[in-house]
Amino acid sequence: MFSSGQLVFALFFVLAFTTIIILMYRKDAKGHKIHYSGAYKILIGFILAIIALFLIKVFAH
């Protein structure tokens, strides 16, 4: 289905991409703690809003 060259390229690409993503995340991790320290509050707000919409839908009838 795939040639050996395509499989080698795919393997190299996946390994290189994964390595670069991990390195960049480690580099940015310090900034994430500073700039996104209150992000969990927004996540909780979204979850509560979705639950409220679901409850309105269920109990409105």
Protein backbone atom coordinates (compact mmCIF):
# COMPACT_ATOMS: atom_id res chain seq x y z
CA MET A 1 0.00 0.00 0.00
CA PHE A 2 2.79 2.44 0.92
CA SER A 3 6.30 2.35 -0.43
CA SER A 4 9.23 1.92 1.95
CA GLY A 5 10.27 5.53 1.28
CA GLN A 6 6.85 6.82 2.31
CA LEU A 7 6.91 4.77 5.52
CA VAL A 8 10.39 6.03 6.41
CA PHE A 9 9.30 9.62 5.76
CA ALA A 10 6.15 9.17 7.87
CA LEU A 11 8.15 7.69 10.75
CA PHE A 12 10.73 10.49 10.58
CA PHE A 13 8.02 13.15 10.39
CA VAL A 14 6.11 11.79 13.41
CA LEU A 15 9.28 11.54 15.49
CA ALA A 16 10.51 15.01 14.52
CA PHE A 17 7.09 16.62 15.02
CA THR A 18 6.61 15.01 18.43
CA THR A 19 10.10 16.01 19.55
CA ILE A 20 9.61 19.63 18.46
CA ILE A 21 6.21 19.86 20.16
CA ILE A 22 7.63 18.52 23.44
CA LEU A 23 10.61 20.89 23.34
CA MET A 24 8.45 23.93 22.58
CA TYR A 25 5.97 23.05 25.35
CA ARG A 26 8.81 22.77 27.88
CA LYS A 27 10.15 26.14 26.74
CA ASP A 28 6.73 27.81 27.14
CA ALA A 29 5.73 26.07 30.39
CA LYS A 30 7.05 28.89 32.58
CA GLY A 31 5.00 31.48 30.70
CA HIS A 32 1.87 29.34 30.94
CA LYS A 33 2.03 29.42 34.74
CA ILE A 34 2.26 33.23 34.69
CA HIS A 35 -0.24 34.14 31.97
CA TYR A 36 -2.84 31.38 32.37
CA SER A 37 -2.96 31.00 36.14
CA GLY A 38 -6.73 31.63 36.38
CA ALA A 39 -7.79 29.58 33.37
CA TYR A 40 -9.42 26.90 35.53
CA LYS A 41 -12.04 29.46 36.66
CA ILE A 42 -13.11 30.01 33.05
CA LEU A 43 -13.27 26.24 32.48
CA ILE A 44 -15.50 25.84 35.53
CA GLY A 45 -17.72 28.66 34.24
CA PHE A 46 -18.13 26.97 30.85
CA ILE A 47 -18.96 23.64 32.47
CA LEU A 48 -21.54 25.26 34.74
CA ALA A 49 -23.11 27.09 31.79
CA ILE A 50 -23.41 23.85 29.79
CA ILE A 51 -24.94 22.07 32.80
CA ALA A 52 -27.40 24.95 33.25
CA LEU A 53 -28.45 24.77 29.59
CA PHE A 54 -28.90 21.02 29.86
CA LEU A 55 -31.01 21.37 33.02
CA ILE A 56 -33.16 24.06 31.40
CA LYS A 57 -33.75 21.78 28.41
CA VAL A 58 -34.64 18.77 30.57
CA PHE A 59 -36.92 20.53 33.06
CA ALA A 60 -38.56 23.06 30.73
CA HIS A 61 -41.17 20.61 29.53
